Amino acid sequence: MRVISGKFRGKKLLIPSDDYTRPLRDTVKESIFNILQHSKLLDHSLLNSNILDLFSGVGTFGLECISRKSKHVTFFENYPPALKMLKKNIQNLDCSIRAEVIERDIFDLKKLNIPLKNYEFIFLDPPFKESRIKTLLNLIKDKNILKKNGIILIHRDRKTIDQLPEGFKVIIKKNYGRSRILFGKFY
């Protein structure tokens, strides 16, 4: 596992030795960032953007964003082995000034008393068995967490068909082996 491009290009990222954490594969990550940087269907640039990385694991997505000059990344993770590696990865890349780690279950958003910025991009990479995607998307919408025309990326098992909330539209759908990435936004 490594950072693909930008300031930290080629730097290795630590991952837990268990099978519970499923880091984003480099080929999938590279494809996602090609779409983010080159698609005319997306209204925001990664440059100087605020990113919310939900179910961040060891931080592969968010750290790639920081490497590519995003302004700030807020990481949500509550699984202790992944959280430990996430913090070490942030420390090893010396980017803590541009990163915030929230050690909570993302479904606690209803009770969360910290202000979450207006994010240009939100990345959801839940365990493939997680079934509450519609609930989470509604929380994001209700709490007005996503900036106008902001993009939500959802990494799911290719066979999973999630219920999506009213007003959420998938703009781009890409399949990668066993997984699928959806790029969407609220209208």
N, C-alpha and C. Protein backbone atom coordinates (compact mmCIF):
# COMPACT_ATOMS: atom_id res chain seq x y z
N MET A 1 0.85 -1.16 0.00
CA MET A 1 0.00 0.00 0.00
C MET A 1 0.90 1.24 0.00
N ARG A 2 0.61 2.15 -0.92
CA ARG A 2 1.46 3.33 -1.05
C ARG A 2 0.64 4.53 -1.49
N VAL A 3 1.24 5.72 -1.39
CA VAL A 3 0.66 6.93 -1.94
C VAL A 3 1.07 6.97 -3.40
N ILE A 4 0.13 7.23 -4.29
CA ILE A 4 0.36 7.12 -5.72
C ILE A 4 0.99 8.37 -6.33
N SER A 5 0.54 9.55 -5.90
CA SER A 5 0.98 10.77 -6.58
C SER A 5 1.10 11.93 -5.59
N GLY A 6 1.70 13.00 -6.06
CA GLY A 6 1.79 14.21 -5.25
C GLY A 6 3.01 14.23 -4.35
N LYS A 7 2.92 15.05 -3.32
CA LYS A 7 4.03 15.30 -2.40
C LYS A 7 4.58 14.03 -1.76
N PHE A 8 3.71 13.08 -1.43
CA PHE A 8 4.12 11.86 -0.74
C PHE A 8 4.23 10.65 -1.69
N ARG A 9 4.33 10.90 -2.97
CA ARG A 9 4.36 9.83 -3.96
C ARG A 9 5.38 8.75 -3.58
N GLY A 10 4.90 7.49 -3.62
CA GLY A 10 5.75 6.35 -3.36
C GLY A 10 5.90 5.99 -1.88
N LYS A 11 5.43 6.86 -0.98
CA LYS A 11 5.55 6.56 0.46
C LYS A 11 4.62 5.40 0.81
N LYS A 12 5.15 4.48 1.59
CA LYS A 12 4.36 3.32 2.02
C LYS A 12 3.42 3.70 3.16
N LEU A 13 2.27 3.05 3.16
CA LEU A 13 1.29 3.23 4.23
C LEU A 13 1.20 1.94 5.03
N LEU A 14 1.13 2.07 6.33
CA LEU A 14 1.01 0.92 7.22
C LEU A 14 -0.42 0.42 7.22
N ILE A 15 -0.59 -0.90 7.30
CA ILE A 15 -1.92 -1.49 7.39
C ILE A 15 -1.92 -2.53 8.50
N PRO A 16 -3.08 -2.75 9.15
CA PRO A 16 -3.14 -3.78 10.19
C PRO A 16 -2.94 -5.17 9.57
N SER A 17 -2.51 -6.09 10.38
CA SER A 17 -2.27 -7.44 9.89
C SER A 17 -3.53 -8.30 9.89
N ASP A 18 -4.66 -7.77 10.33
CA ASP A 18 -5.89 -8.56 10.36
C ASP A 18 -6.59 -8.52 9.00
N ASP A 19 -7.65 -9.30 8.87
CA ASP A 19 -8.42 -9.35 7.63
C ASP A 19 -9.64 -8.43 7.66
N TYR A 20 -9.86 -7.74 8.76
CA TYR A 20 -11.05 -6.91 8.90
C TYR A 20 -10.93 -5.61 8.10
N THR A 21 -9.75 -5.03 8.05
CA THR A 21 -9.53 -3.79 7.33
C THR A 21 -9.29 -4.10 5.86
N ARG A 22 -10.00 -3.39 4.98
CA ARG A 22 -9.91 -3.60 3.54
C ARG A 22 -9.42 -2.31 2.89
N PRO A 23 -8.09 -2.08 2.86
CA PRO A 23 -7.58 -0.85 2.27
C PRO A 23 -7.91 -0.75 0.78
N LEU A 24 -8.10 0.45 0.32
CA LEU A 24 -8.38 0.72 -1.09
C LEU A 24 -7.17 0.30 -1.93
N ARG A 25 -7.39 -0.59 -2.87
CA ARG A 25 -6.29 -1.05 -3.75
C ARG A 25 -5.74 0.11 -4.57
N ASP A 26 -4.45 0.06 -4.86
CA ASP A 26 -3.79 1.13 -5.60
C ASP A 26 -4.42 1.37 -6.97
N THR A 27 -4.79 0.30 -7.68
CA THR A 27 -5.37 0.47 -9.01
C THR A 27 -6.72 1.17 -8.95
N VAL A 28 -7.53 0.83 -7.94
CA VAL A 28 -8.83 1.48 -7.77
C VAL A 28 -8.61 2.94 -7.38
N LYS A 29 -7.69 3.17 -6.46
CA LYS A 29 -7.40 4.53 -6.02
C LYS A 29 -6.93 5.39 -7.18
N GLU A 30 -6.05 4.86 -8.00
CA GLU A 30 -5.53 5.61 -9.14
C GLU A 30 -6.65 5.98 -10.11
N SER A 31 -7.56 5.04 -10.36
CA SER A 31 -8.69 5.31 -11.25
C SER A 31 -9.61 6.38 -10.67
N ILE A 32 -9.88 6.30 -9.37
CA ILE A 32 -10.72 7.30 -8.71
C ILE A 32 -10.12 8.70 -8.89
N PHE A 33 -8.83 8.81 -8.64
CA PHE A 33 -8.19 10.13 -8.72
C PHE A 33 -8.09 10.63 -10.16
N ASN A 34 -7.98 9.74 -11.12
CA ASN A 34 -8.04 10.18 -12.52
C ASN A 34 -9.40 10.79 -12.84
N ILE A 35 -10.46 10.15 -12.36
CA ILE A 35 -11.81 10.69 -12.57
C ILE A 35 -11.95 12.03 -11.84
N LEU A 36 -11.51 12.09 -10.58
CA LEU A 36 -11.64 13.34 -9.81
C LEU A 36 -10.89 14.49 -10.48
N GLN A 37 -9.77 14.22 -11.09
CA GLN A 37 -8.96 15.28 -11.67
C GLN A 37 -9.34 15.62 -13.11
N HIS A 38 -9.98 14.70 -13.83
CA HIS A 38 -10.18 14.94 -15.26
C HIS A 38 -11.63 14.94 -15.73
N SER A 39 -12.58 14.51 -14.90
CA SER A 39 -13.96 14.44 -15.36
C SER A 39 -14.59 15.83 -15.41
N LYS A 40 -15.26 16.10 -16.51
CA LYS A 40 -15.99 17.37 -16.66
C LYS A 40 -17.35 17.32 -15.95
N LEU A 41 -17.71 16.15 -15.43
CA LEU A 41 -18.98 16.00 -14.75
C LEU A 41 -18.93 16.45 -13.28
N LEU A 42 -17.72 16.70 -12.78
CA LEU A 42 -17.54 17.08 -11.38
C LEU A 42 -17.25 18.58 -11.28
N ASP A 43 -17.86 19.24 -10.32
CA ASP A 43 -17.78 20.69 -10.21
C ASP A 43 -16.65 21.21 -9.32
N HIS A 44 -15.96 20.34 -8.62
CA HIS A 44 -14.93 20.77 -7.68
C HIS A 44 -13.58 20.15 -8.02
N SER A 45 -12.54 20.81 -7.59
CA SER A 45 -11.17 20.32 -7.75
C SER A 45 -10.65 19.86 -6.39
N LEU A 46 -9.75 18.91 -6.39
CA LEU A 46 -9.12 18.47 -5.14
C LEU A 46 -8.24 19.56 -4.54
N LEU A 47 -7.67 20.39 -5.38
CA LEU A 47 -6.77 21.45 -4.94
C LEU A 47 -7.46 22.36 -3.94
N ASN A 48 -6.90 22.48 -2.75
CA ASN A 48 -7.42 23.32 -1.66
C ASN A 48 -8.83 22.95 -1.20
N SER A 49 -9.23 21.72 -1.41
CA SER A 49 -10.57 21.30 -1.00
C SER A 49 -10.55 20.68 0.40
N ASN A 50 -11.72 20.65 1.00
CA ASN A 50 -11.92 19.98 2.29
C ASN A 50 -12.56 18.63 2.01
N ILE A 51 -11.99 17.60 2.62
CA ILE A 51 -12.40 16.22 2.36
C ILE A 51 -12.88 15.59 3.67
N LEU A 52 -13.96 14.82 3.59
CA LEU A 52 -14.43 14.02 4.72
C LEU A 52 -14.27 12.56 4.31
N ASP A 53 -13.44 11.83 5.04
CA ASP A 53 -13.12 10.44 4.75
C ASP A 53 -13.78 9.57 5.82
N LEU A 54 -14.92 8.98 5.47
CA LEU A 54 -15.70 8.18 6.42
C LEU A 54 -15.32 6.70 6.30
N PHE A 55 -15.25 6.03 7.43
CA PHE A 55 -14.75 4.66 7.48
C PHE A 55 -13.33 4.67 6.90
N SER A 56 -12.50 5.57 7.37
CA SER A 56 -11.21 5.84 6.73
C SER A 56 -10.19 4.74 6.80
N GLY A 57 -10.36 3.79 7.69
CA GLY A 57 -9.36 2.73 7.78
C GLY A 57 -7.99 3.32 8.07
N VAL A 58 -7.00 2.99 7.26
CA VAL A 58 -5.63 3.47 7.48
C VAL A 58 -5.38 4.80 6.76
N GLY A 59 -6.42 5.33 6.10
CA GLY A 59 -6.32 6.66 5.50
C GLY A 59 -5.87 6.70 4.06
N THR A 60 -5.97 5.60 3.33
CA THR A 60 -5.44 5.58 1.96
C THR A 60 -6.04 6.66 1.08
N PHE A 61 -7.35 6.89 1.18
CA PHE A 61 -7.98 7.91 0.34
C PHE A 61 -7.62 9.32 0.80
N GLY A 62 -7.83 9.61 2.07
CA GLY A 62 -7.58 10.95 2.59
C GLY A 62 -6.13 11.37 2.50
N LEU A 63 -5.22 10.46 2.75
CA LEU A 63 -3.80 10.80 2.66
C LEU A 63 -3.38 11.05 1.22
N GLU A 64 -3.99 10.35 0.30
CA GLU A 64 -3.75 10.62 -1.12
C GLU A 64 -4.24 12.03 -1.47
N CYS A 65 -5.37 12.42 -0.90
CA CYS A 65 -5.89 13.78 -1.13
C CYS A 65 -4.93 14.84 -0.59
N ILE A 66 -4.41 14.62 0.61
CA ILE A 66 -3.45 15.57 1.18
C ILE A 66 -2.20 15.64 0.30
N SER A 67 -1.73 14.49 -0.16
CA SER A 67 -0.57 14.45 -1.03
C SER A 67 -0.79 15.26 -2.31
N ARG A 68 -2.05 15.32 -2.75
CA ARG A 68 -2.40 16.02 -3.99
C ARG A 68 -2.91 17.44 -3.71
N LYS A 69 -2.54 17.98 -2.58
CA LYS A 69 -2.77 19.39 -2.22
C LYS A 69 -4.20 19.75 -1.83
N SER A 70 -4.94 18.80 -1.28
CA SER A 70 -6.21 19.18 -0.67
C SER A 70 -5.89 19.99 0.58
N LYS A 71 -6.79 20.85 0.96
CA LYS A 71 -6.56 21.75 2.10
C LYS A 71 -6.56 21.00 3.43
N HIS A 72 -7.59 20.17 3.63
CA HIS A 72 -7.76 19.51 4.92
C HIS A 72 -8.58 18.24 4.75
N VAL A 73 -8.27 17.21 5.55
CA VAL A 73 -9.04 15.97 5.55
C VAL A 73 -9.46 15.66 6.97
N THR A 74 -10.75 15.37 7.13
CA THR A 74 -11.29 14.89 8.40
C THR A 74 -11.52 13.39 8.24
N PHE A 75 -10.83 12.60 9.06
CA PHE A 75 -10.93 11.14 9.02
C PHE A 75 -11.86 10.67 10.13
N PHE A 76 -12.81 9.79 9.81
CA PHE A 76 -13.67 9.14 10.80
C PHE A 76 -13.31 7.67 10.83
N GLU A 77 -12.88 7.18 11.99
CA GLU A 77 -12.56 5.76 12.14
C GLU A 77 -12.75 5.38 13.59
N ASN A 78 -13.26 4.16 13.84
CA ASN A 78 -13.42 3.72 15.22
C ASN A 78 -12.92 2.30 15.47
N TYR A 79 -12.36 1.65 14.47
CA TYR A 79 -11.81 0.31 14.65
C TYR A 79 -10.37 0.45 15.13
N PRO A 80 -10.07 0.03 16.39
CA PRO A 80 -8.76 0.31 16.99
C PRO A 80 -7.52 -0.05 16.17
N PRO A 81 -7.42 -1.25 15.56
CA PRO A 81 -6.20 -1.52 14.78
C PRO A 81 -6.02 -0.58 13.58
N ALA A 82 -7.12 -0.26 12.90
CA ALA A 82 -7.03 0.66 11.75
C ALA A 82 -6.72 2.07 12.25
N LEU A 83 -7.33 2.46 13.34
CA LEU A 83 -7.11 3.79 13.92
C LEU A 83 -5.64 3.98 14.30
N LYS A 84 -5.04 2.96 14.87
CA LYS A 84 -3.63 3.02 15.24
C LYS A 84 -2.74 3.23 14.01
N MET A 85 -3.02 2.51 12.94
CA MET A 85 -2.24 2.64 11.70
C MET A 85 -2.51 3.99 11.03
N LEU A 86 -3.75 4.46 11.08
CA LEU A 86 -4.09 5.77 10.51
C LEU A 86 -3.27 6.87 11.17
N LYS A 87 -3.22 6.85 12.49
CA LYS A 87 -2.45 7.87 13.22
C LYS A 87 -0.96 7.78 12.90
N LYS A 88 -0.43 6.55 12.80
CA LYS A 88 0.98 6.37 12.45
C LYS A 88 1.26 6.87 11.04
N ASN A 89 0.33 6.60 10.10
CA ASN A 89 0.52 7.06 8.73
C ASN A 89 0.53 8.58 8.65
N ILE A 90 -0.36 9.23 9.38
CA ILE A 90 -0.39 10.70 9.41
C ILE A 90 0.92 11.22 10.00
N GLN A 91 1.37 10.60 11.08
CA GLN A 91 2.63 11.00 11.72
C GLN A 91 3.82 10.77 10.78
N ASN A 92 3.88 9.62 10.13
CA ASN A 92 4.99 9.30 9.23
C ASN A 92 5.08 10.24 8.04
N LEU A 93 3.92 10.73 7.58
CA LEU A 93 3.91 11.66 6.45
C LEU A 93 4.03 13.12 6.91
N ASP A 94 4.03 13.31 8.23
CA ASP A 94 4.17 14.65 8.81
C ASP A 94 3.14 15.62 8.24
N CYS A 95 1.88 15.19 8.28
CA CYS A 95 0.81 16.03 7.72
C CYS A 95 -0.32 16.28 8.71
N SER A 96 -0.03 16.19 9.99
CA SER A 96 -1.07 16.32 11.01
C SER A 96 -1.74 17.70 11.01
N ILE A 97 -1.05 18.71 10.50
CA ILE A 97 -1.65 20.06 10.47
C ILE A 97 -2.82 20.12 9.48
N ARG A 98 -2.84 19.18 8.53
CA ARG A 98 -3.90 19.16 7.51
C ARG A 98 -4.86 17.98 7.70
N ALA A 99 -4.77 17.34 8.85
CA ALA A 99 -5.59 16.15 9.11
C ALA A 99 -6.20 16.24 10.51
N GLU A 100 -7.42 15.77 10.60
CA GLU A 100 -8.11 15.64 11.89
C GLU A 100 -8.68 14.23 11.94
N VAL A 101 -8.46 13.54 13.05
CA VAL A 101 -8.98 12.19 13.23
C VAL A 101 -10.08 12.24 14.28
N ILE A 102 -11.25 11.75 13.89
CA ILE A 102 -12.37 11.66 14.83
C ILE A 102 -12.61 10.18 15.10
N GLU A 103 -12.44 9.82 16.37
CA GLU A 103 -12.53 8.41 16.79
C GLU A 103 -13.95 8.10 17.22
N ARG A 104 -14.83 8.05 16.26
CA ARG A 104 -16.24 7.81 16.54
C ARG A 104 -16.86 6.96 15.44
N ASP A 105 -17.97 6.36 15.75
CA ASP A 105 -18.78 5.68 14.76
C ASP A 105 -19.48 6.77 13.96
N ILE A 106 -19.41 6.70 12.66
CA ILE A 106 -19.99 7.75 11.82
C ILE A 106 -21.50 7.87 12.03
N PHE A 107 -22.14 6.81 12.44
CA PHE A 107 -23.58 6.88 12.66
C PHE A 107 -23.93 7.69 13.91
N ASP A 108 -22.89 8.11 14.66
CA ASP A 108 -23.09 9.02 15.78
C ASP A 108 -23.21 10.47 15.31
N LEU A 109 -23.23 10.70 14.01
CA LEU A 109 -23.33 12.07 13.48
C LEU A 109 -24.51 12.82 14.09
N LYS A 110 -25.60 12.09 14.35
CA LYS A 110 -26.78 12.73 14.95
C LYS A 110 -26.44 13.39 16.27
N LYS A 111 -25.54 12.75 17.03
CA LYS A 111 -25.20 13.23 18.37
C LYS A 111 -23.92 14.05 18.41
N LEU A 112 -23.22 14.12 17.29
CA LEU A 112 -21.92 14.77 17.26
C LEU A 112 -22.05 16.28 17.47
N ASN A 113 -21.32 16.79 18.44
CA ASN A 113 -21.41 18.21 18.76
C ASN A 113 -20.22 19.02 18.25
N ILE A 114 -19.54 18.50 17.25
CA ILE A 114 -18.45 19.28 16.66
C ILE A 114 -18.91 19.76 15.29
N PRO A 115 -18.49 20.96 14.91
CA PRO A 115 -18.90 21.44 13.60
C PRO A 115 -18.14 20.71 12.49
N LEU A 116 -18.86 20.21 11.53
CA LEU A 116 -18.24 19.62 10.36
C LEU A 116 -18.33 20.63 9.23
N LYS A 117 -17.22 20.84 8.54
CA LYS A 117 -17.13 21.84 7.49
C LYS A 117 -18.07 21.51 6.33
N ASN A 118 -18.18 22.44 5.44
CA ASN A 118 -18.84 22.21 4.17
C ASN A 118 -17.83 21.54 3.26
N TYR A 119 -17.93 20.25 3.07
CA TYR A 119 -16.93 19.49 2.34
C TYR A 119 -17.23 19.48 0.84
N GLU A 120 -16.17 19.57 0.04
CA GLU A 120 -16.31 19.44 -1.41
C GLU A 120 -16.44 17.97 -1.82
N PHE A 121 -15.76 17.10 -1.06
CA PHE A 121 -15.78 15.67 -1.35
C PHE A 121 -15.96 14.89 -0.06
N ILE A 122 -16.82 13.86 -0.13
CA ILE A 122 -16.99 12.93 0.98
C ILE A 122 -16.77 11.54 0.40
N PHE A 123 -15.90 10.78 1.07
CA PHE A 123 -15.61 9.42 0.62
C PHE A 123 -16.17 8.45 1.65
N LEU A 124 -17.03 7.52 1.20
CA LEU A 124 -17.61 6.49 2.05
C LEU A 124 -17.03 5.15 1.64
N ASP A 125 -16.31 4.52 2.54
CA ASP A 125 -15.75 3.21 2.27
C ASP A 125 -16.08 2.26 3.42
N PRO A 126 -17.39 2.01 3.61
CA PRO A 126 -17.80 1.17 4.74
C PRO A 126 -17.49 -0.29 4.49
N PRO A 127 -17.54 -1.11 5.54
CA PRO A 127 -17.45 -2.55 5.31
C PRO A 127 -18.52 -2.94 4.29
N PHE A 128 -18.19 -3.87 3.42
CA PHE A 128 -19.14 -4.24 2.38
C PHE A 128 -20.47 -4.75 2.93
N LYS A 129 -20.46 -5.27 4.16
CA LYS A 129 -21.70 -5.77 4.77
C LYS A 129 -22.59 -4.65 5.33
N GLU A 130 -22.05 -3.44 5.44
CA GLU A 130 -22.81 -2.32 6.00
C GLU A 130 -24.03 -2.02 5.11
N SER A 131 -25.20 -1.97 5.72
CA SER A 131 -26.44 -1.80 4.95
C SER A 131 -27.11 -0.43 5.15
N ARG A 132 -26.53 0.42 5.97
CA ARG A 132 -27.21 1.69 6.30
C ARG A 132 -26.70 2.88 5.47
N ILE A 133 -26.41 2.65 4.20
CA ILE A 133 -25.88 3.72 3.35
C ILE A 133 -26.91 4.83 3.17
N LYS A 134 -28.16 4.47 2.92
CA LYS A 134 -29.21 5.47 2.76
C LYS A 134 -29.33 6.33 4.02
N THR A 135 -29.28 5.71 5.18
CA THR A 135 -29.34 6.43 6.45
C THR A 135 -28.18 7.43 6.55
N LEU A 136 -26.99 6.98 6.21
CA LEU A 136 -25.82 7.85 6.29
C LEU A 136 -25.91 9.01 5.30
N LEU A 137 -26.33 8.73 4.08
CA LEU A 137 -26.49 9.80 3.09
C LEU A 137 -27.54 10.81 3.54
N ASN A 138 -28.61 10.34 4.15
CA ASN A 138 -29.62 11.27 4.68
C ASN A 138 -29.06 12.12 5.82
N LEU A 139 -28.23 11.53 6.68
CA LEU A 139 -27.58 12.30 7.75
C LEU A 139 -26.69 13.40 7.16
N ILE A 140 -25.93 13.05 6.13
CA ILE A 140 -25.05 14.03 5.47
C ILE A 140 -25.88 15.18 4.90
N LYS A 141 -26.99 14.83 4.28
CA LYS A 141 -27.87 15.86 3.68
C LYS A 141 -28.53 16.71 4.77
N ASP A 142 -29.10 16.06 5.78
CA ASP A 142 -29.81 16.77 6.85
C ASP A 142 -28.90 17.69 7.64
N LYS A 143 -27.65 17.29 7.83
CA LYS A 143 -26.69 18.11 8.59
C LYS A 143 -25.97 19.12 7.69
N ASN A 144 -26.32 19.12 6.40
CA ASN A 144 -25.75 20.07 5.44
C ASN A 144 -24.21 20.03 5.44
N ILE A 145 -23.67 18.82 5.43
CA ILE A 145 -22.23 18.62 5.53
C ILE A 145 -21.54 18.79 4.18
N LEU A 146 -22.24 18.48 3.10
CA LEU A 146 -21.66 18.54 1.76
C LEU A 146 -21.91 19.92 1.15
N LYS A 147 -20.86 20.49 0.60
CA LYS A 147 -20.96 21.78 -0.08
C LYS A 147 -21.89 21.66 -1.29
N LYS A 148 -22.49 22.74 -1.72
CA LYS A 148 -23.34 22.73 -2.90
C LYS A 148 -22.56 22.15 -4.07
N ASN A 149 -23.17 21.22 -4.77
CA ASN A 149 -22.55 20.50 -5.89
C ASN A 149 -21.35 19.65 -5.47
N GLY A 150 -21.18 19.43 -4.17
CA GLY A 150 -20.12 18.56 -3.70
C GLY A 150 -20.38 17.12 -4.12
N ILE A 151 -19.31 16.34 -4.13
CA ILE A 151 -19.38 14.96 -4.63
C ILE A 151 -19.20 13.98 -3.49
N ILE A 152 -20.02 12.94 -3.50
CA ILE A 152 -19.88 11.82 -2.57
C ILE A 152 -19.43 10.61 -3.38
N LEU A 153 -18.36 9.98 -2.92
CA LEU A 153 -17.86 8.76 -3.54
C LEU A 153 -18.19 7.61 -2.59
N ILE A 154 -18.76 6.55 -3.14
CA ILE A 154 -19.15 5.41 -2.33
C ILE A 154 -18.48 4.16 -2.88
N HIS A 155 -17.69 3.48 -2.03
CA HIS A 155 -17.02 2.24 -2.42
C HIS A 155 -17.82 1.07 -1.86
N ARG A 156 -18.33 0.22 -2.76
CA ARG A 156 -19.19 -0.89 -2.34
C ARG A 156 -18.80 -2.18 -3.06
N ASP A 157 -19.31 -3.28 -2.55
CA ASP A 157 -19.19 -4.54 -3.24
C ASP A 157 -20.01 -4.41 -4.53
N ARG A 158 -19.48 -4.93 -5.59
CA ARG A 158 -20.12 -4.79 -6.90
C ARG A 158 -21.53 -5.39 -6.94
N LYS A 159 -21.77 -6.43 -6.14
CA LYS A 159 -23.07 -7.10 -6.14
C LYS A 159 -24.11 -6.37 -5.28
N THR A 160 -23.66 -5.47 -4.42
CA THR A 160 -24.57 -4.79 -3.51
C THR A 160 -25.36 -3.71 -4.24
N ILE A 161 -26.65 -3.72 -4.01
CA ILE A 161 -27.50 -2.66 -4.56
C ILE A 161 -28.11 -1.93 -3.36
N ASP A 162 -27.59 -0.73 -3.12
CA ASP A 162 -28.06 0.06 -1.98
C ASP A 162 -29.26 0.90 -2.36
N GLN A 163 -30.13 1.11 -1.37
CA GLN A 163 -31.20 2.09 -1.51
C GLN A 163 -30.55 3.46 -1.32
N LEU A 164 -30.75 4.36 -2.25
CA LEU A 164 -30.20 5.71 -2.15
C LEU A 164 -31.34 6.68 -1.89
N PRO A 165 -31.07 7.75 -1.15
CA PRO A 165 -32.14 8.67 -0.79
C PRO A 165 -32.64 9.49 -1.99
N GLU A 166 -33.83 9.98 -1.83
CA GLU A 166 -34.42 10.86 -2.84
C GLU A 166 -33.54 12.10 -2.97
N GLY A 167 -33.32 12.52 -4.20
CA GLY A 167 -32.50 13.70 -4.44
C GLY A 167 -31.03 13.40 -4.63
N PHE A 168 -30.61 12.15 -4.41
CA PHE A 168 -29.21 11.77 -4.63
C PHE A 168 -29.12 11.10 -5.99
N LYS A 169 -28.22 11.62 -6.82
CA LYS A 169 -28.09 11.08 -8.17
C LYS A 169 -26.66 10.59 -8.40
N VAL A 170 -26.56 9.38 -8.94
CA VAL A 170 -25.26 8.83 -9.31
C VAL A 170 -24.88 9.42 -10.66
N ILE A 171 -23.69 10.04 -10.71
CA ILE A 171 -23.20 10.68 -11.92
C ILE A 171 -22.29 9.74 -12.71
N ILE A 172 -21.43 9.04 -11.98
CA ILE A 172 -20.47 8.10 -12.59
C ILE A 172 -20.48 6.82 -11.77
N LYS A 173 -20.48 5.69 -12.46
CA LYS A 173 -20.40 4.38 -11.79
C LYS A 173 -19.29 3.59 -12.48
N LYS A 174 -18.31 3.13 -11.69
CA LYS A 174 -17.19 2.36 -12.24
C LYS A 174 -17.04 1.06 -11.46
N ASN A 175 -16.86 -0.04 -12.18
CA ASN A 175 -16.63 -1.34 -11.56
C ASN A 175 -15.15 -1.69 -11.63
N TYR A 176 -14.65 -2.28 -10.55
CA TYR A 176 -13.26 -2.70 -10.45
C TYR A 176 -13.24 -4.08 -9.81
N GLY A 177 -13.12 -5.12 -10.60
CA GLY A 177 -13.10 -6.45 -10.03
C GLY A 177 -14.32 -6.69 -9.18
N ARG A 178 -14.11 -6.89 -7.90
CA ARG A 178 -15.20 -7.19 -6.97
C ARG A 178 -15.90 -5.93 -6.44
N SER A 179 -15.33 -4.77 -6.68
CA SER A 179 -15.90 -3.56 -6.09
C SER A 179 -16.44 -2.59 -7.12
N ARG A 180 -17.19 -1.61 -6.63
CA ARG A 180 -17.81 -0.58 -7.46
C ARG A 180 -17.63 0.77 -6.74
N ILE A 181 -17.37 1.79 -7.53
CA ILE A 181 -17.32 3.15 -7.00
C ILE A 181 -18.45 3.95 -7.64
N LEU A 182 -19.23 4.61 -6.79
CA LEU A 182 -20.28 5.49 -7.27
C LEU A 182 -19.87 6.92 -6.95
N PHE A 183 -19.96 7.80 -7.93
CA PHE A 183 -19.75 9.23 -7.74
C PHE A 183 -21.13 9.85 -7.85
N GLY A 184 -21.55 10.57 -6.82
CA GLY A 184 -22.89 11.15 -6.87
C GLY A 184 -23.00 12.44 -6.11
N LYS A 185 -24.17 13.08 -6.23
CA LYS A 185 -24.40 14.30 -5.48
C LYS A 185 -25.90 14.49 -5.27
N PHE A 186 -26.22 15.40 -4.38
CA PHE A 186 -27.61 15.73 -4.11
C PHE A 186 -28.07 16.84 -5.04
N TYR A 187 -29.29 16.73 -5.50
CA TYR A 187 -29.90 17.77 -6.34
C TYR A 187 -31.08 18.37 -5.63
